[in-house]
PDB file of N, CA and C in Angstrom:
ATOM      1  N   MET A   1     -15.537  -4.679   7.201  1.00  0.00           N
ATOM      2  CA  MET A   1     -15.602  -4.582   5.657  1.00  0.00           C
ATOM      3  C   MET A   1     -15.716  -5.864   4.924  1.00  0.00           C
ATOM      4  N   GLU A   2     -16.502  -5.526   3.993  1.00  0.00           N
ATOM      5  CA  GLU A   2     -16.633  -7.294   3.210  1.00  0.00           C
ATOM      6  C   GLU A   2     -15.346  -7.574   2.275  1.00  0.00           C
ATOM      7  N   ILE A   3     -15.275  -8.827   2.394  1.00  0.00           N
ATOM      8  CA  ILE A   3     -14.127  -9.268   1.724  1.00  0.00           C
ATOM      9  C   ILE A   3     -14.913 -10.359   0.221  1.00  0.00           C
ATOM     10  N   VAL A   4     -14.378  -9.830  -0.685  1.00  0.00           N
ATOM     11  CA  VAL A   4     -14.407 -10.282  -2.108  1.00  0.00           C
ATOM     12  C   VAL A   4     -13.229 -11.115  -2.719  1.00  0.00           C
ATOM     13  N   PHE A   5     -13.495 -11.908  -3.605  1.00  0.00           N
ATOM     14  CA  PHE A   5     -12.307 -13.053  -4.434  1.00  0.00           C
ATOM     15  C   PHE A   5     -12.517 -12.384  -5.715  1.00  0.00           C
ATOM     16  N   PRO A   6     -11.596 -12.585  -6.500  1.00  0.00           N
ATOM     17  CA  PRO A   6     -11.365 -12.397  -8.035  1.00  0.00           C
ATOM     18  C   PRO A   6     -12.306 -13.864  -8.380  1.00  0.00           C
ATOM     19  N   ASN A   7     -12.490 -14.879  -7.704  1.00  0.00           N
ATOM     20  CA  ASN A   7     -13.124 -15.940  -8.714  1.00  0.00           C
ATOM     21  C   ASN A   7     -13.410 -17.104  -7.579  1.00  0.00           C
ATOM     22  N   ASP A   8     -14.069 -18.007  -8.220  1.00  0.00           N
ATOM     23  CA  ASP A   8     -14.556 -18.818  -6.953  1.00  0.00           C
ATOM     24  C   ASP A   8     -13.795 -19.790  -6.788  1.00  0.00           C
ATOM     25  N   ARG A   9     -12.635 -20.207  -7.083  1.00  0.00           N
ATOM     26  CA  ARG A   9     -11.391 -21.016  -6.733  1.00  0.00           C
ATOM     27  C   ARG A   9     -10.832 -20.509  -5.674  1.00  0.00           C
ATOM     28  N   LEU A  10     -10.389 -19.311  -5.952  1.00  0.00           N
ATOM     29  CA  LEU A  10      -9.733 -18.695  -4.628  1.00  0.00           C
ATOM     30  C   LEU A  10     -10.522 -18.372  -3.563  1.00  0.00           C
ATOM     31  N   ALA A  11     -11.678 -18.192  -3.442  1.00  0.00           N
ATOM     32  CA  ALA A  11     -12.685 -18.211  -2.246  1.00  0.00           C
ATOM     33  C   ALA A  11     -12.776 -19.354  -1.736  1.00  0.00           C
ATOM     34  N   ARG A  12     -12.800 -20.326  -2.268  1.00  0.00           N
ATOM     35  CA  ARG A  12     -12.479 -21.653  -1.997  1.00  0.00           C
ATOM     36  C   ARG A  12     -11.446 -22.266  -1.091  1.00  0.00           C
ATOM     37  N   GLU A  13     -10.291 -21.654  -2.063  1.00  0.00           N
ATOM     38  CA  GLU A  13      -9.067 -21.699  -1.255  1.00  0.00           C
ATOM     39  C   GLU A  13      -8.898 -21.117   0.390  1.00  0.00           C
ATOM     40  N   PHE A  14      -9.148 -19.687   0.173  1.00  0.00           N
ATOM     41  CA  PHE A  14      -9.163 -18.853   1.658  1.00  0.00           C
ATOM     42  C   PHE A  14     -10.540 -19.192   2.391  1.00  0.00           C
ATOM     43  N   SER A  15     -11.328 -20.020   2.256  1.00  0.00           N
ATOM     44  CA  SER A  15     -12.710 -20.431   3.160  1.00  0.00           C
ATOM     45  C   SER A  15     -12.428 -21.634   3.450  1.00  0.00           C
ATOM     46  N   ASP A  16     -11.418 -22.547   3.124  1.00  0.00           N
ATOM     47  CA  ASP A  16     -11.186 -23.912   3.781  1.00  0.00           C
ATOM     48  C   ASP A  16     -10.108 -24.146   4.468  1.00  0.00           C
ATOM     49  N   THR A  17      -9.694 -24.530   5.612  1.00  0.00           N
ATOM     50  CA  THR A  17      -8.688 -24.421   6.539  1.00  0.00           C
ATOM     51  C   THR A  17      -7.862 -25.557   6.314  1.00  0.00           C
ATOM     52  N   LYS A  18      -8.486 -26.654   5.660  1.00  0.00           N
ATOM     53  CA  LYS A  18      -7.448 -27.462   5.172  1.00  0.00           C
ATOM     54  C   LYS A  18      -6.338 -27.227   4.052  1.00  0.00           C
ATOM     55  N   THR A  19      -7.347 -26.371   3.212  1.00  0.00           N
ATOM     56  CA  THR A  19      -6.692 -26.168   1.893  1.00  0.00           C
ATOM     57  C   THR A  19      -5.829 -24.875   1.977  1.00  0.00           C
ATOM     58  N   LEU A  20      -5.928 -24.088   3.012  1.00  0.00           N
ATOM     59  CA  LEU A  20      -4.653 -22.918   3.713  1.00  0.00           C
ATOM     60  C   LEU A  20      -3.662 -23.793   4.401  1.00  0.00           C
ATOM     61  N   VAL A  21      -4.017 -25.003   4.979  1.00  0.00           N
ATOM     62  CA  VAL A  21      -2.576 -25.622   5.546  1.00  0.00           C
ATOM     63  C   VAL A  21      -1.968 -26.092   4.493  1.00  0.00           C
ATOM     64  N   ARG A  22      -2.500 -26.783   3.563  1.00  0.00           N
ATOM     65  CA  ARG A  22      -1.746 -27.578   2.716  1.00  0.00           C
ATOM     66  C   ARG A  22      -0.979 -26.269   1.452  1.00  0.00           C
ATOM     67  N   HIS A  23      -1.631 -25.091   1.188  1.00  0.00           N
ATOM     68  CA  HIS A  23      -0.808 -24.299   0.409  1.00  0.00           C
ATOM     69  C   HIS A  23       0.200 -23.597   1.316  1.00  0.00           C
ATOM     70  N   TYR A  24      -0.059 -23.177   2.487  1.00  0.00           N
ATOM     71  CA  TYR A  24       1.228 -22.057   3.196  1.00  0.00           C
ATOM     72  C   TYR A  24       1.014 -22.810   4.470  1.00  0.00           C
ATOM     73  N   GLY A  25       0.951 -23.754   4.868  1.00  0.00           N
ATOM     74  CA  GLY A  25       1.619 -24.640   6.145  1.00  0.00           C
ATOM     75  C   GLY A  25       0.654 -23.902   7.407  1.00  0.00           C
ATOM     76  N   ALA A  26       0.897 -24.724   8.459  1.00  0.00           N
ATOM     77  CA  ALA A  26      -0.234 -24.671   9.586  1.00  0.00           C
ATOM     78  C   ALA A  26      -0.378 -23.021  10.221  1.00  0.00           C
ATOM     79  N   GLU A  27       1.241 -22.679  10.446  1.00  0.00           N
ATOM     80  CA  GLU A  27       0.901 -21.189  10.982  1.00  0.00           C
ATOM     81  C   GLU A  27       0.490 -20.285  10.241  1.00  0.00           C
ATOM     82  N   ASN A  28       0.872 -20.338   8.784  1.00  0.00           N
ATOM     83  CA  ASN A  28       0.897 -19.021   7.881  1.00  0.00           C
ATOM     84  C   ASN A  28      -0.777 -19.454   7.880  1.00  0.00           C
ATOM     85  N   ALA A  29      -1.396 -20.747   7.516  1.00  0.00           N
ATOM     86  CA  ALA A  29      -2.895 -20.790   7.526  1.00  0.00           C
ATOM     87  C   ALA A  29      -3.868 -19.910   8.589  1.00  0.00           C
ATOM     88  N   GLN A  30      -3.220 -20.135   9.709  1.00  0.00           N
ATOM     89  CA  GLN A  30      -3.772 -19.492  10.943  1.00  0.00           C
ATOM     90  C   GLN A  30      -3.720 -18.005  10.953  1.00  0.00           C
ATOM     91  N   ARG A  31      -2.673 -17.416  10.317  1.00  0.00           N
ATOM     92  CA  ARG A  31      -2.421 -16.206  10.359  1.00  0.00           C
ATOM     93  C   ARG A  31      -3.297 -15.268   9.381  1.00  0.00           C
ATOM     94  N   ILE A  32      -3.399 -16.324   8.226  1.00  0.00           N
ATOM     95  CA  ILE A  32      -3.995 -15.907   6.903  1.00  0.00           C
ATOM     96  C   ILE A  32      -5.788 -15.711   7.665  1.00  0.00           C
ATOM     97  N   ARG A  33      -6.364 -16.709   8.116  1.00  0.00           N
ATOM     98  CA  ARG A  33      -7.531 -16.592   8.652  1.00  0.00           C
ATOM     99  C   ARG A  33      -7.788 -15.480   9.913  1.00  0.00           C
ATOM    100  N   ARG A  34      -6.684 -15.213  10.668  1.00  0.00           N
ATOM    101  CA  ARG A  34      -6.939 -13.945  11.415  1.00  0.00           C
ATOM    102  C   ARG A  34      -6.948 -12.803  10.669  1.00  0.00           C
ATOM    103  N   ARG A  35      -5.901 -12.384   9.621  1.00  0.00           N
ATOM    104  CA  ARG A  35      -5.830 -11.241   8.931  1.00  0.00           C
ATOM    105  C   ARG A  35      -7.606 -11.162   8.096  1.00  0.00           C
ATOM    106  N   LEU A  36      -8.012 -12.396   7.607  1.00  0.00           N
ATOM    107  CA  LEU A  36      -9.423 -12.202   7.329  1.00  0.00           C
ATOM    108  C   LEU A  36     -10.092 -11.592   8.228  1.00  0.00           C
ATOM    109  N   ASP A  37     -10.040 -12.311   9.316  1.00  0.00           N
ATOM    110  CA  ASP A  37     -11.065 -11.991  10.574  1.00  0.00           C
ATOM    111  C   ASP A  37     -10.941 -10.203  11.175  1.00  0.00           C
ATOM    112  N   ASP A  38      -9.527  -9.902  10.692  1.00  0.00           N
ATOM    113  CA  ASP A  38      -9.515  -8.290  11.116  1.00  0.00           C
ATOM    114  C   ASP A  38     -10.088  -7.658  10.127  1.00  0.00           C
ATOM    115  N   LEU A  39      -9.996  -8.028   8.697  1.00  0.00           N
ATOM    116  CA  LEU A  39     -10.457  -7.088   7.933  1.00  0.00           C
ATOM    117  C   LEU A  39     -12.005  -7.011   7.713  1.00  0.00           C
ATOM    118  N   ARG A  40     -12.660  -8.531   8.207  1.00  0.00           N
ATOM    119  CA  ARG A  40     -13.968  -8.351   8.433  1.00  0.00           C
ATOM    120  C   ARG A  40     -14.765  -7.555   9.456  1.00  0.00           C
ATOM    121  N   ALA A  41     -13.743  -7.383  10.421  1.00  0.00           N
ATOM    122  CA  ALA A  41     -14.194  -6.719  11.377  1.00  0.00           C
ATOM    123  C   ALA A  41     -13.751  -5.085  11.400  1.00  0.00           C
ATOM    124  N   ALA A  42     -13.210  -4.958  10.558  1.00  0.00           N
ATOM    125  CA  ALA A  42     -12.576  -3.253  10.485  1.00  0.00           C
ATOM    126  C   ALA A  42     -14.204  -2.583  10.074  1.00  0.00           C
ATOM    127  N   ASP A  43     -14.137  -1.667  10.245  1.00  0.00           N
ATOM    128  CA  ASP A  43     -15.639  -0.980   9.368  1.00  0.00           C
ATOM    129  C   ASP A  43     -14.757  -0.179   8.146  1.00  0.00           C
ATOM    130  N   ASN A  44     -13.815   0.057   8.022  1.00  0.00           N
ATOM    131  CA  ASN A  44     -13.154   0.454   6.786  1.00  0.00           C
ATOM    132  C   ASN A  44     -11.491   0.335   6.980  1.00  0.00           C
ATOM    133  N   LEU A  45     -10.883   0.666   5.510  1.00  0.00           N
ATOM    134  CA  LEU A  45      -9.816   0.515   5.491  1.00  0.00           C
ATOM    135  C   LEU A  45      -8.551   1.327   6.283  1.00  0.00           C
ATOM    136  N   ALA A  46      -9.349   2.476   6.332  1.00  0.00           N
ATOM    137  CA  ALA A  46      -8.443   3.225   7.876  1.00  0.00           C
ATOM    138  C   ALA A  46      -8.603   2.873   9.107  1.00  0.00           C
ATOM    139  N   THR A  47      -9.566   2.182   9.436  1.00  0.00           N
ATOM    140  CA  THR A  47      -9.069   1.333  10.958  1.00  0.00           C
ATOM    141  C   THR A  47      -8.525   0.542  10.840  1.00  0.00           C
ATOM    142  N   MET A  48      -8.418  -0.516   9.845  1.00  0.00           N
ATOM    143  CA  MET A  48      -7.025  -1.126   9.533  1.00  0.00           C
ATOM    144  C   MET A  48      -5.732  -0.944   9.733  1.00  0.00           C
ATOM    145  N   ARG A  49      -5.782   0.722   9.286  1.00  0.00           N
ATOM    146  CA  ARG A  49      -4.674   1.164   9.186  1.00  0.00           C
ATOM    147  C   ARG A  49      -4.328   1.782  10.688  1.00  0.00           C
ATOM    148  N   LEU A  50      -5.028   2.223  11.536  1.00  0.00           N
ATOM    149  CA  LEU A  50      -5.030   2.314  12.856  1.00  0.00           C
ATOM    150  C   LEU A  50      -4.493   1.326  13.542  1.00  0.00           C
ATOM    151  N   LEU A  51      -5.188   0.099  13.388  1.00  0.00           N
ATOM    152  CA  LEU A  51      -5.104  -0.945  14.130  1.00  0.00           C
ATOM    153  C   LEU A  51      -3.496  -1.618  14.072  1.00  0.00           C
ATOM    154  N   PHE A  52      -3.306  -1.735  12.704  1.00  0.00           N
ATOM    155  CA  PHE A  52      -1.865  -2.294  12.586  1.00  0.00           C
ATOM    156  C   PHE A  52      -0.816  -1.385  11.895  1.00  0.00           C
ATOM    157  N   GLY A  53      -0.979  -0.206  11.926  1.00  0.00           N
ATOM    158  CA  GLY A  53       0.266   0.952  11.920  1.00  0.00           C
ATOM    159  C   GLY A  53       0.735   0.025  10.572  1.00  0.00           C
ATOM    160  N   GLY A  54       2.056  -0.119  10.408  1.00  0.00           N
ATOM    161  CA  GLY A  54       3.044  -0.145   9.608  1.00  0.00           C
ATOM    162  C   GLY A  54       2.750  -1.659   9.085  1.00  0.00           C
ATOM    163  N   ARG A  55       1.852  -2.501   9.498  1.00  0.00           N
ATOM    164  CA  ARG A  55       1.822  -3.745   8.861  1.00  0.00           C
ATOM    165  C   ARG A  55       0.895  -3.842   7.676  1.00  0.00           C
ATOM    166  N   LEU A  56      -0.186  -2.914   7.734  1.00  0.00           N
ATOM    167  CA  LEU A  56      -0.991  -2.421   6.587  1.00  0.00           C
ATOM    168  C   LEU A  56      -0.341  -1.424   5.497  1.00  0.00           C
ATOM    169  N   HIS A  57       0.160  -1.693   4.373  1.00  0.00           N
ATOM    170  CA  HIS A  57       0.748  -0.445   3.549  1.00  0.00           C
ATOM    171  C   HIS A  57       0.525  -0.517   1.994  1.00  0.00           C
ATOM    172  N   PRO A  58       0.157   0.274   1.755  1.00  0.00           N
ATOM    173  CA  PRO A  58       0.123   0.502   0.227  1.00  0.00           C
ATOM    174  C   PRO A  58       1.068  -0.096  -0.486  1.00  0.00           C
ATOM    175  N   LEU A  59       1.033  -0.767  -1.730  1.00  0.00           N
ATOM    176  CA  LEU A  59       2.184  -1.355  -2.163  1.00  0.00           C
ATOM    177  C   LEU A  59       2.524  -0.045  -3.778  1.00  0.00           C
ATOM    178  N   THR A  60       3.703  -0.434  -4.301  1.00  0.00           N
ATOM    179  CA  THR A  60       4.275   0.533  -5.508  1.00  0.00           C
ATOM    180  C   THR A  60       4.571  -0.045  -6.368  1.00  0.00           C
ATOM    181  N   GLY A  61       5.121   0.551  -7.621  1.00  0.00           N
ATOM    182  CA  GLY A  61       5.370  -0.247  -8.696  1.00  0.00           C
ATOM    183  C   GLY A  61       4.337  -0.991  -9.575  1.00  0.00           C
ATOM    184  N   ASP A  62       4.644  -2.352 -10.094  1.00  0.00           N
ATOM    185  CA  ASP A  62       3.940  -3.032 -10.374  1.00  0.00           C
ATOM    186  C   ASP A  62       2.738  -3.417  -9.837  1.00  0.00           C
ATOM    187  N   LEU A  63       2.511  -3.251  -8.267  1.00  0.00           N
ATOM    188  CA  LEU A  63       1.573  -3.956  -7.658  1.00  0.00           C
ATOM    189  C   LEU A  63       0.752  -2.572  -6.882  1.00  0.00           C
ATOM    190  N   ALA A  64       1.111  -1.221  -7.419  1.00  0.00           N
ATOM    191  CA  ALA A  64       0.619   0.213  -7.061  1.00  0.00           C
ATOM    192  C   ALA A  64      -1.167  -0.245  -7.088  1.00  0.00           C
ATOM    193  N   GLY A  65      -1.718   0.203  -6.237  1.00  0.00           N
ATOM    194  CA  GLY A  65      -3.154   0.161  -6.170  1.00  0.00           C
ATOM    195  C   GLY A  65      -3.546  -0.780  -4.881  1.00  0.00           C
ATOM    196  N   ARG A  66      -2.642  -1.498  -4.849  1.00  0.00           N
ATOM    197  CA  ARG A  66      -2.786  -2.599  -4.179  1.00  0.00           C
ATOM    198  C   ARG A  66      -2.274  -2.704  -2.435  1.00  0.00           C
ATOM    199  N   PHE A  67      -2.591  -3.675  -1.715  1.00  0.00           N
ATOM    200  CA  PHE A  67      -2.074  -3.239  -0.242  1.00  0.00           C
ATOM    201  C   PHE A  67      -1.647  -4.286   0.046  1.00  0.00           C
ATOM    202  N   ALA A  68      -1.116  -4.617   1.382  1.00  0.00           N
ATOM    203  CA  ALA A  68      -0.221  -6.027   2.037  1.00  0.00           C
ATOM    204  C   ALA A  68      -0.483  -5.742   3.544  1.00  0.00           C
ATOM    205  N   LEU A  69      -0.817  -6.840   3.973  1.00  0.00           N
ATOM    206  CA  LEU A  69      -0.743  -7.278   5.545  1.00  0.00           C
ATOM    207  C   LEU A  69       0.307  -8.298   5.660  1.00  0.00           C
ATOM    208  N   ASP A  70       1.019  -8.017   6.696  1.00  0.00           N
ATOM    209  CA  ASP A  70       1.855  -9.373   7.147  1.00  0.00           C
ATOM    210  C   ASP A  70       1.100 -10.555   7.514  1.00  0.00           C
ATOM    211  N   VAL A  71       1.483 -11.638   7.070  1.00  0.00           N
ATOM    212  CA  VAL A  71       1.110 -12.873   7.050  1.00  0.00           C
ATOM    213  C   VAL A  71       2.350 -13.212   8.206  1.00  0.00           C
ATOM    214  N   ARG A  72       3.309 -13.787   7.933  1.00  0.00           N
ATOM    215  CA  ARG A  72       4.589 -14.052   8.630  1.00  0.00           C
ATOM    216  C   ARG A  72       5.544 -13.604   7.639  1.00  0.00           C
ATOM    217  N   HIS A  73       6.561 -13.063   8.091  1.00  0.00           N
ATOM    218  CA  HIS A  73       7.771 -12.549   7.083  1.00  0.00           C
ATOM    219  C   HIS A  73       8.415 -13.585   6.145  1.00  0.00           C
ATOM    220  N   PRO A  74       8.715 -13.708   5.151  1.00  0.00           N
ATOM    221  CA  PRO A  74       8.305 -12.711   4.276  1.00  0.00           C
ATOM    222  C   PRO A  74       6.747 -12.645   3.532  1.00  0.00           C
ATOM    223  N   GLN A  75       6.019 -13.252   3.985  1.00  0.00           N
ATOM    224  CA  GLN A  75       4.493 -13.576   3.367  1.00  0.00           C
ATOM    225  C   GLN A  75       3.815 -12.511   3.648  1.00  0.00           C
ATOM    226  N   ARG A  76       2.993 -11.996   2.494  1.00  0.00           N
ATOM    227  CA  ARG A  76       2.374 -10.774   2.655  1.00  0.00           C
ATOM    228  C   ARG A  76       0.805 -11.367   2.466  1.00  0.00           C
ATOM    229  N   LEU A  77      -0.196 -11.051   2.772  1.00  0.00           N
ATOM    230  CA  LEU A  77      -2.106 -10.914   2.203  1.00  0.00           C
ATOM    231  C   LEU A  77      -1.941  -9.388   1.513  1.00  0.00           C
ATOM    232  N   ILE A  78      -2.042 -10.009  -0.178  1.00  0.00           N
ATOM    233  CA  ILE A  78      -2.273  -8.854  -1.033  1.00  0.00           C
ATOM    234  C   ILE A  78      -3.417  -8.658  -1.230  1.00  0.00           C
ATOM    235  N   PHE A  79      -3.950  -7.440  -1.020  1.00  0.00           N
ATOM    236  CA  PHE A  79      -5.413  -7.277  -1.833  1.00  0.00           C
ATOM    237  C   PHE A  79      -5.649  -5.912  -2.255  1.00  0.00           C
ATOM    238  N   GLU A  80      -6.915  -5.571  -2.604  1.00  0.00           N
ATOM    239  CA  GLU A  80      -6.929  -4.343  -3.379  1.00  0.00           C
ATOM    240  C   GLU A  80      -8.483  -3.818  -3.121  1.00  0.00           C
ATOM    241  N   PRO A  81      -8.730  -2.371  -2.957  1.00  0.00           N
ATOM    242  CA  PRO A  81     -10.082  -1.950  -2.902  1.00  0.00           C
ATOM    243  C   PRO A  81     -11.050  -2.269  -3.648  1.00  0.00           C
ATOM    244  N   ALA A  82     -12.060  -2.793  -3.196  1.00  0.00           N
ATOM    245  CA  ALA A  82     -13.170  -3.293  -4.282  1.00  0.00           C
ATOM    246  C   ALA A  82     -14.326  -2.532  -4.324  1.00  0.00           C
ATOM    247  N   ASP A  83     -14.471  -1.319  -3.851  1.00  0.00           N
ATOM    248  CA  ASP A  83     -15.689  -0.180  -4.129  1.00  0.00           C
ATOM    249  C   ASP A  83     -15.785   0.078  -5.454  1.00  0.00           C
ATOM    250  N   GLU A  84     -16.731   0.290  -6.012  1.00  0.00           N
ATOM    251  CA  GLU A  84     -16.822   0.435  -7.324  1.00  0.00           C
ATOM    252  C   GLU A  84     -18.195   1.945  -7.365  1.00  0.00           C
ATOM    253  N   PRO A  85     -17.548   3.020  -7.383  1.00  0.00           N
ATOM    254  CA  PRO A  85     -16.602   3.353  -8.021  1.00  0.00           C
ATOM    255  C   PRO A  85     -15.548   3.592  -6.395  1.00  0.00           C
ATOM    256  N   LEU A  86     -14.164   3.496  -6.802  1.00  0.00           N
ATOM    257  CA  LEU A  86     -13.095   3.571  -5.932  1.00  0.00           C
ATOM    258  C   LEU A  86     -13.237   4.906  -5.606  1.00  0.00           C
ATOM    259  N   PRO A  87     -13.616   5.016  -3.731  1.00  0.00           N
ATOM    260  CA  PRO A  87     -13.562   6.523  -3.479  1.00  0.00           C
ATOM    261  C   PRO A  87     -12.394   7.437  -2.944  1.00  0.00           C
ATOM    262  N   ARG A  88     -12.401   8.416  -3.811  1.00  0.00           N
ATOM    263  CA  ARG A  88     -11.481   9.457  -4.068  1.00  0.00           C
ATOM    264  C   ARG A  88     -11.577  10.598  -2.989  1.00  0.00           C
ATOM    265  N   LEU A  89     -10.350  11.058  -2.655  1.00  0.00           N
ATOM    266  CA  LEU A  89     -10.571  12.557  -1.999  1.00  0.00           C
ATOM    267  C   LEU A  89     -10.346  13.521  -3.211  1.00  0.00           C
ATOM    268  N   ASP A  90     -10.425  14.686  -2.756  1.00  0.00           N
ATOM    269  CA  ASP A  90     -10.299  15.920  -3.818  1.00  0.00           C
ATOM    270  C   ASP A  90      -9.158  15.700  -4.806  1.00  0.00           C
ATOM    271  N   ASP A  91      -8.090  15.526  -4.001  1.00  0.00           N
ATOM    272  CA  ASP A  91      -6.540  15.480  -4.661  1.00  0.00           C
ATOM    273  C   ASP A  91      -6.490  14.027  -5.077  1.00  0.00           C
ATOM    274  N   GLY A  92      -7.404  12.981  -5.529  1.00  0.00           N
ATOM    275  CA  GLY A  92      -7.387  12.107  -6.269  1.00  0.00           C
ATOM    276  C   GLY A  92      -6.757  10.852  -5.477  1.00  0.00           C
ATOM    277  N   SER A  93      -6.443  10.697  -4.291  1.00  0.00           N
ATOM    278  CA  SER A  93      -5.734   9.817  -3.760  1.00  0.00           C
ATOM    279  C   SER A  93      -7.092   8.956  -3.104  1.00  0.00           C
ATOM    280  N   LEU A  94      -6.959   7.888  -2.845  1.00  0.00           N
ATOM    281  CA  LEU A  94      -8.056   7.236  -2.021  1.00  0.00           C
ATOM    282  C   LEU A  94      -8.440   7.387  -0.837  1.00  0.00           C
ATOM    283  N   ASP A  95      -9.670   7.600  -0.813  1.00  0.00           N
ATOM    284  CA  ASP A  95     -10.249   7.765   0.675  1.00  0.00           C
ATOM    285  C   ASP A  95     -10.309   6.582   1.662  1.00  0.00           C
ATOM    286  N   TRP A  96      -9.185   6.192   2.303  1.00  0.00           N
ATOM    287  CA  TRP A  96      -9.274   5.006   3.140  1.00  0.00           C
ATOM    288  C   TRP A  96     -10.485   5.117   4.025  1.00  0.00           C
ATOM    289  N   THR A  97     -11.102   6.020   4.345  1.00  0.00           N
ATOM    290  CA  THR A  97     -12.412   5.530   5.433  1.00  0.00           C
ATOM    291  C   THR A  97     -13.490   5.544   4.541  1.00  0.00           C
ATOM    292  N   ARG A  98     -13.461   5.623   3.178  1.00  0.00           N
ATOM    293  CA  ARG A  98     -14.586   5.215   2.546  1.00  0.00           C
ATOM    294  C   ARG A  98     -14.445   3.847   1.949  1.00  0.00           C
ATOM    295  N   VAL A  99     -13.260   3.034   2.316  1.00  0.00           N
ATOM    296  CA  VAL A  99     -12.994   1.628   1.429  1.00  0.00           C
ATOM    297  C   VAL A  99     -13.684   0.481   2.149  1.00  0.00           C
ATOM    298  N   LEU A 100     -14.622   0.030   1.917  1.00  0.00           N
ATOM    299  CA  LEU A 100     -16.021  -0.733   2.666  1.00  0.00           C
ATOM    300  C   LEU A 100     -15.837  -2.063   2.370  1.00  0.00           C
ATOM    301  N   ARG A 101     -15.062  -2.449   0.959  1.00  0.00           N
ATOM    302  CA  ARG A 101     -15.169  -3.473   0.462  1.00  0.00           C
ATOM    303  C   ARG A 101     -13.687  -4.110   0.101  1.00  0.00           C
ATOM    304  N   VAL A 102     -13.111  -4.957   0.258  1.00  0.00           N
ATOM    305  CA  VAL A 102     -11.850  -5.344  -0.260  1.00  0.00           C
ATOM    306  C   VAL A 102     -11.817  -6.889  -1.221  1.00  0.00           C
ATOM    307  N   ARG A 103     -10.739  -7.035  -2.341  1.00  0.00           N
ATOM    308  CA  ARG A 103     -10.737  -8.112  -2.659  1.00  0.00           C
ATOM    309  C   ARG A 103      -9.140  -8.656  -2.587  1.00  0.00           C
ATOM    310  N   ILE A 104      -9.496 -10.052  -2.055  1.00  0.00           N
ATOM    311  CA  ILE A 104      -8.453 -10.874  -1.722  1.00  0.00           C
ATOM    312  C   ILE A 104      -7.754 -11.425  -2.862  1.00  0.00           C
ATOM    313  N   LEU A 105      -6.285 -11.155  -3.277  1.00  0.00           N
ATOM    314  CA  LEU A 105      -5.938 -11.670  -4.340  1.00  0.00           C
ATOM    315  C   LEU A 105      -4.972 -12.700  -4.334  1.00  0.00           C
ATOM    316  N   ARG A 106      -3.981 -12.529  -3.255  1.00  0.00           N
ATOM    317  CA  ARG A 106      -3.045 -13.812  -2.849  1.00  0.00           C
ATOM    318  C   ARG A 106      -2.448 -13.594  -1.591  1.00  0.00           C
ATOM    319  N   VAL A 107      -1.618 -14.462  -1.370  1.00  0.00           N
ATOM    320  CA  VAL A 107      -0.413 -14.694  -0.249  1.00  0.00           C
ATOM    321  C   VAL A 107       0.777 -15.105  -0.989  1.00  0.00           C
ATOM    322  N   GLU A 108       1.809 -13.989  -0.779  1.00  0.00           N
ATOM    323  CA  GLU A 108       2.987 -13.791  -1.527  1.00  0.00           C
ATOM    324  C   GLU A 108       4.156 -13.517  -0.504  1.00  0.00           C
ATOM    325  N   ASP A 109       5.584 -13.655  -1.265  1.00  0.00           N
ATOM    326  CA  ASP A 109       6.642 -12.815  -1.006  1.00  0.00           C
ATOM    327  C   ASP A 109       6.776 -12.249  -2.284  1.00  0.00           C
ATOM    328  N   TYR A 110       6.460 -10.856  -1.826  1.00  0.00           N
ATOM    329  CA  TYR A 110       6.555  -9.887  -3.402  1.00  0.00           C
ATOM    330  C   TYR A 110       8.360  -9.387  -3.152  1.00  0.00           C
ATOM    331  N   HIS A 111       8.702  -9.559  -2.208  1.00  0.00           N
ATOM    332  CA  HIS A 111      10.253  -9.155  -2.308  1.00  0.00           C
ATOM    333  C   HIS A 111      10.962  -9.987  -2.941  1.00  0.00           C
ATOM    334  N   ALA A 112      10.680 -11.339  -3.422  1.00  0.00           N
ATOM    335  CA  ALA A 112      11.815 -12.301  -3.965  1.00  0.00           C
ATOM    336  C   ALA A 112      11.835 -12.081  -5.540  1.00  0.00           C
TER     337      ALA A 112
END
């Protein structure tokens, strides 16, 4: 899949290992890089769901329409589909097999 960012600042933050380490710590930085590599290697969002099972999950409430991947408990990589228009099934739900582009939003503990 293709990975995009909402702004240049976040793109630089996630592409620079030193910045990731400074913001999230060495272990989390390594895991964030691994998750980004996993997303890039996946053919589509459905592939990520198969590879990571419950670790990839859609969010609800204020974060509806976004997804999370575990980094290290309780930190999650939050992202959203970036395909325009969003691929939909006949019932209106997201077609995970046609999501080919994701927008990385942040890393956080959304349970806090």
